[in-house]
Amino acid sequence: MTTAMFTAHVNRFADEPLDGLLDAWVHRTALPALPVQAVPARPAQPPTNAESA
């Protein structure tokens, strides 16, 4: 599969244009910067039934 085939396939099923995303992740040599946002902390272990009651 070529890059052109991959991008055509992805664009065929996308709900919106992915040119910017594909340009950043497929065509450039360096990875794009990921946006950093606050993410709420969550417990390392899921609560047990007793804790969630």
C-alpha atoms as a PDB file:
ATOM      1  CA  MET A   1       0.000   0.000   0.000  1.00  0.00           C
ATOM      2  CA  THR A   2       1.358   3.392  -0.942  1.00  0.00           C
ATOM      3  CA  THR A   3       0.920   6.612   0.998  1.00  0.00           C
ATOM      4  CA  ALA A   4      -1.418   7.878  -1.719  1.00  0.00           C
ATOM      5  CA  MET A   5      -3.556   4.743  -1.428  1.00  0.00           C
ATOM      6  CA  PHE A   6      -3.682   5.101   2.366  1.00  0.00           C
ATOM      7  CA  THR A   7      -4.686   8.767   2.295  1.00  0.00           C
ATOM      8  CA  ALA A   8      -7.334   8.082  -0.359  1.00  0.00           C
ATOM      9  CA  HIS A   9      -8.776   5.267   1.761  1.00  0.00           C
ATOM     10  CA  VAL A  10      -8.806   7.366   4.938  1.00  0.00           C
ATOM     11  CA  ASN A  11     -10.390  10.339   3.190  1.00  0.00           C
ATOM     12  CA  ARG A  12     -13.044   8.096   1.666  1.00  0.00           C
ATOM     13  CA  PHE A  13     -14.441   7.213   5.097  1.00  0.00           C
ATOM     14  CA  ALA A  14     -13.756  10.459   6.987  1.00  0.00           C
ATOM     15  CA  ASP A  15     -16.631  12.743   7.932  1.00  0.00           C
ATOM     16  CA  GLU A  16     -14.448  15.820   7.507  1.00  0.00           C
ATOM     17  CA  PRO A  17     -11.294  16.738   5.556  1.00  0.00           C
ATOM     18  CA  LEU A  18      -8.152  15.242   7.082  1.00  0.00           C
ATOM     19  CA  ASP A  19      -5.579  17.075   4.964  1.00  0.00           C
ATOM     20  CA  GLY A  20      -4.009  18.858   7.949  1.00  0.00           C
ATOM     21  CA  LEU A  21      -3.850  15.718  10.054  1.00  0.00           C
ATOM     22  CA  LEU A  22      -2.424  13.589   7.276  1.00  0.00           C
ATOM     23  CA  ASP A  23       0.078  16.282   6.332  1.00  0.00           C
ATOM     24  CA  ALA A  24       1.318  16.507   9.921  1.00  0.00           C
ATOM     25  CA  TRP A  25       1.458  12.760  10.642  1.00  0.00           C
ATOM     26  CA  VAL A  26       2.222  11.176   7.268  1.00  0.00           C
ATOM     27  CA  HIS A  27       4.105  13.623   5.088  1.00  0.00           C
ATOM     28  CA  ARG A  28       6.417  15.391   7.549  1.00  0.00           C
ATOM     29  CA  THR A  29       9.541  13.861   9.024  1.00  0.00           C
ATOM     30  CA  ALA A  30       9.087  15.156  12.587  1.00  0.00           C
ATOM     31  CA  LEU A  31       6.094  14.298  14.760  1.00  0.00           C
ATOM     32  CA  PRO A  32       3.745  17.198  15.421  1.00  0.00           C
ATOM     33  CA  ALA A  33       3.458  18.671  18.901  1.00  0.00           C
ATOM     34  CA  LEU A  34       0.525  17.308  20.854  1.00  0.00           C
ATOM     35  CA  PRO A  35      -1.688  19.856  22.573  1.00  0.00           C
ATOM     36  CA  VAL A  36      -1.448  19.675  26.340  1.00  0.00           C
ATOM     37  CA  GLN A  37      -4.605  20.126  28.336  1.00  0.00           C
ATOM     38  CA  ALA A  38      -5.664  19.509  31.882  1.00  0.00           C
ATOM     39  CA  VAL A  39      -6.918  15.992  32.359  1.00  0.00           C
ATOM     40  CA  PRO A  40      -8.698  15.085  35.590  1.00  0.00           C
ATOM     41  CA  ALA A  41      -6.879  12.517  37.691  1.00  0.00           C
ATOM     42  CA  ARG A  42      -8.462   9.140  38.136  1.00  0.00           C
ATOM     43  CA  PRO A  43      -7.685   6.377  40.631  1.00  0.00           C
ATOM     44  CA  ALA A  44      -4.917   3.970  39.702  1.00  0.00           C
ATOM     45  CA  GLN A  45      -7.235   1.078  40.534  1.00  0.00           C
ATOM     46  CA  PRO A  46     -10.974   1.008  39.826  1.00  0.00           C
ATOM     47  CA  PRO A  47     -13.138   1.176  42.969  1.00  0.00           C
ATOM     48  CA  THR A  48     -14.372  -2.080  44.424  1.00  0.00           C
ATOM     49  CA  ASN A  49     -18.079  -2.748  44.830  1.00  0.00           C
ATOM     50  CA  ALA A  50     -17.865  -1.727  48.500  1.00  0.00           C
ATOM     51  CA  GLU A  51     -16.204   1.606  47.616  1.00  0.00           C
ATOM     52  CA  SER A  52     -18.650   2.475  44.865  1.00  0.00           C
ATOM     53  CA  ALA A  53     -21.798   1.751  46.923  1.00  0.00           C
END
